[in-house]
Amino acid sequence: MLRTPPQLFEDFESGLISREQLHAAMSFHAKGLIEEVVEAHENPLAAWWEGILARQMASRLSARHGERRVRQVLHALSEVPDFFPAQWLWNASHPDVPLFCFLRLRKEPIFRIVKIESQAGVVHVTVEYGPAARGEATRESFILRHRRTGGLEVADRGF
């Protein structure tokens, strides 16, 4: 499982990895971003359509739950150690990155938020990720709770 940049920096600061290992892992992340930019450049219509769909979904989620809550949910999911989509969600709490950038509705591997329910201080989240073919994506549910220091954290997985 690919570690996210914040996890890599924690590993480096605690002495678990060397500076060279940190640079190699970060360059792997950079190469992935560059590949996505090249892909979007090569097929601008598909990239445009994906952007439109992601913007609509982000707008719907923000209208229903508030942008801050959606960002908190995404950030909490990014901290789950073996959660594959964490590699795209790790900077979801950063307000300068548009919310739609974290959603992948048709482009593989997909990442969709199926449902967010808040009740009695607990947030239930259901997401889909993986292959884009109908019925092949992994659907997973999480229970999030509020931290004393602010934000959300995953309390239970796969309820």
Protein backbone atom coordinates (compact mmCIF):
# COMPACT_ATOMS: atom_id res chain seq x y z
CA MET A 1 0.00 0.00 0.00
CA LEU A 2 1.34 3.39 -1.02
CA ARG A 3 1.92 5.73 1.93
CA THR A 4 0.53 9.26 1.64
CA PRO A 5 2.87 12.27 1.77
CA PRO A 6 1.91 13.16 5.38
CA GLN A 7 2.58 9.55 6.42
CA LEU A 8 5.93 9.62 4.60
CA PHE A 9 6.96 12.80 6.43
CA GLU A 10 5.94 11.25 9.75
CA ASP A 11 8.08 8.21 8.92
CA PHE A 12 11.01 10.45 8.00
CA GLU A 13 10.73 12.61 11.12
CA SER A 14 10.55 9.54 13.35
CA GLY A 15 13.62 8.04 11.65
CA LEU A 16 11.87 5.09 10.02
CA ILE A 17 12.98 6.10 6.51
CA SER A 18 15.99 7.97 5.16
CA ARG A 19 15.95 11.22 3.23
CA GLU A 20 16.64 9.27 0.01
CA GLN A 21 13.69 6.95 0.66
CA LEU A 22 11.49 9.99 1.32
CA HIS A 23 12.56 11.60 -1.96
CA ALA A 24 12.03 8.35 -3.89
CA ALA A 25 8.52 7.91 -2.46
CA MET A 26 7.60 11.54 -3.08
CA SER A 27 8.86 11.31 -6.67
CA PHE A 28 6.55 8.33 -7.13
CA HIS A 29 3.61 10.55 -6.08
CA ALA A 30 4.80 13.32 -8.41
CA LYS A 31 5.05 10.90 -11.35
CA GLY A 32 1.47 9.79 -10.72
CA LEU A 33 0.25 13.39 -10.85
CA ILE A 34 2.21 14.08 -14.02
CA GLU A 35 0.74 10.97 -15.67
CA GLU A 36 -2.77 12.20 -14.86
CA VAL A 37 -2.00 15.62 -16.36
CA VAL A 38 -0.63 14.01 -19.53
CA GLU A 39 -3.68 11.74 -19.73
CA ALA A 40 -6.01 14.72 -19.41
CA HIS A 41 -4.05 16.55 -22.11
CA GLU A 42 -4.28 13.56 -24.46
CA ASN A 43 -8.03 13.14 -23.96
CA PRO A 44 -9.42 16.58 -23.07
CA LEU A 45 -13.06 15.68 -23.73
CA ALA A 46 -13.02 12.82 -21.22
CA ALA A 47 -11.18 15.01 -18.70
CA TRP A 48 -13.69 17.84 -19.20
CA TRP A 49 -16.65 15.48 -18.75
CA GLU A 50 -15.11 13.92 -15.62
CA GLY A 51 -14.58 17.44 -14.24
CA ILE A 52 -18.20 18.41 -14.91
CA LEU A 53 -19.53 15.29 -13.17
CA ALA A 54 -17.16 15.72 -10.22
CA ARG A 55 -18.15 19.40 -9.83
CA GLN A 56 -21.84 18.46 -9.78
CA MET A 57 -21.27 15.75 -7.17
CA ALA A 58 -19.12 18.05 -5.03
CA SER A 59 -21.77 20.77 -5.26
CA ARG A 60 -24.49 18.30 -4.20
CA LEU A 61 -22.44 17.02 -1.28
CA SER A 62 -21.62 20.57 -0.16
CA ALA A 63 -25.25 21.64 -0.37
CA ARG A 64 -26.43 18.67 1.71
CA HIS A 65 -23.66 18.41 4.28
CA GLY A 66 -21.53 21.55 4.02
CA GLU A 67 -18.11 21.74 2.42
CA ARG A 68 -16.34 21.69 5.80
CA ARG A 69 -18.03 18.42 6.82
CA VAL A 70 -17.25 16.76 3.47
CA ARG A 71 -13.60 17.81 3.76
CA GLN A 72 -13.47 16.44 7.32
CA VAL A 73 -14.88 13.12 6.10
CA LEU A 74 -12.36 12.90 3.26
CA HIS A 75 -9.47 13.80 5.56
CA ALA A 76 -10.53 11.17 8.12
CA LEU A 77 -10.66 8.55 5.36
CA SER A 78 -7.19 9.56 4.20
CA GLU A 79 -5.82 8.57 7.61
CA VAL A 80 -7.07 4.97 7.37
CA PRO A 81 -3.82 2.96 7.01
CA ASP A 82 -4.81 0.44 4.32
CA PHE A 83 -7.45 2.47 2.48
CA PHE A 84 -6.47 2.58 -1.21
CA PRO A 85 -8.07 5.98 -2.11
CA ALA A 86 -6.09 7.69 0.69
CA GLN A 87 -3.40 8.49 -1.88
CA TRP A 88 -5.80 11.01 -3.47
CA LEU A 89 -7.48 12.26 -0.28
CA TRP A 90 -4.51 13.19 1.93
CA ASN A 91 -4.82 16.96 1.37
CA ALA A 92 -8.63 17.16 1.42
CA SER A 93 -8.63 19.47 4.42
CA HIS A 94 -6.68 22.10 2.48
CA PRO A 95 -9.23 24.79 1.48
CA ASP A 96 -7.27 25.90 -1.62
CA VAL A 97 -7.78 22.54 -3.34
CA PRO A 98 -11.27 22.38 -4.90
CA LEU A 99 -13.50 19.71 -3.42
CA PHE A 100 -14.30 18.16 -6.80
CA CYS A 101 -10.62 17.19 -7.23
CA PHE A 102 -11.04 14.35 -4.73
CA LEU A 103 -13.91 12.65 -6.55
CA ARG A 104 -13.31 10.21 -9.39
CA LEU A 105 -16.67 9.23 -10.84
CA ARG A 106 -15.76 7.53 -14.14
CA LYS A 107 -11.97 7.60 -14.36
CA GLU A 108 -10.40 4.47 -12.93
CA PRO A 109 -9.82 3.88 -10.17
CA ILE A 110 -13.08 5.52 -9.18
CA PHE A 111 -13.85 7.09 -5.81
CA ARG A 112 -17.41 8.06 -4.95
CA ILE A 113 -19.15 9.08 -1.78
CA VAL A 114 -22.40 7.13 -1.83
CA LYS A 115 -23.88 8.37 1.43
CA ILE A 116 -23.12 10.59 4.41
CA GLU A 117 -25.44 10.50 7.41
CA SER A 118 -24.93 12.51 10.58
CA GLN A 119 -26.80 11.65 13.74
CA ALA A 120 -26.07 12.13 17.43
CA GLY A 121 -22.49 13.27 16.88
CA VAL A 122 -21.61 10.26 14.74
CA VAL A 123 -21.10 10.33 10.98
CA HIS A 124 -21.84 7.24 8.87
CA VAL A 125 -20.12 7.26 5.47
CA THR A 126 -20.41 4.82 2.58
CA VAL A 127 -17.93 5.04 -0.30
CA GLU A 128 -17.21 3.14 -3.50
CA TYR A 129 -13.77 2.77 -5.04
CA GLY A 130 -11.90 0.62 -7.53
CA PRO A 131 -12.89 -0.52 -11.03
CA ALA A 132 -15.40 1.60 -12.92
CA ALA A 133 -17.40 -1.36 -14.27
CA ARG A 134 -20.86 -1.65 -12.73
CA GLY A 135 -20.88 -3.92 -9.70
CA GLU A 136 -17.10 -4.36 -9.53
CA ALA A 137 -16.27 -1.42 -7.26
CA THR A 138 -15.61 -2.04 -3.59
CA ARG A 139 -18.28 -0.54 -1.34
CA GLU A 140 -17.16 0.20 2.18
CA SER A 141 -18.80 1.86 5.17
CA PHE A 142 -17.19 3.79 8.00
CA ILE A 143 -18.32 5.26 11.29
CA LEU A 144 -16.60 8.55 12.10
CA ARG A 145 -16.59 10.36 15.42
CA HIS A 146 -15.51 13.83 16.42
CA ARG A 147 -12.04 14.36 17.85
CA ARG A 148 -11.54 16.48 20.92
CA THR A 149 -9.05 18.58 18.96
CA GLY A 150 -11.47 19.06 16.04
CA GLY A 151 -12.15 17.16 12.88
CA LEU A 152 -13.26 13.57 12.49
CA GLU A 153 -11.59 10.19 12.91
CA VAL A 154 -12.57 6.69 11.83
CA ALA A 155 -14.06 4.82 14.79
CA ASP A 156 -15.23 1.69 12.95
CA ARG A 157 -14.87 0.25 9.49
CA GLY A 158 -17.24 -2.01 7.59
CA PHE A 159 -20.27 -1.81 9.88
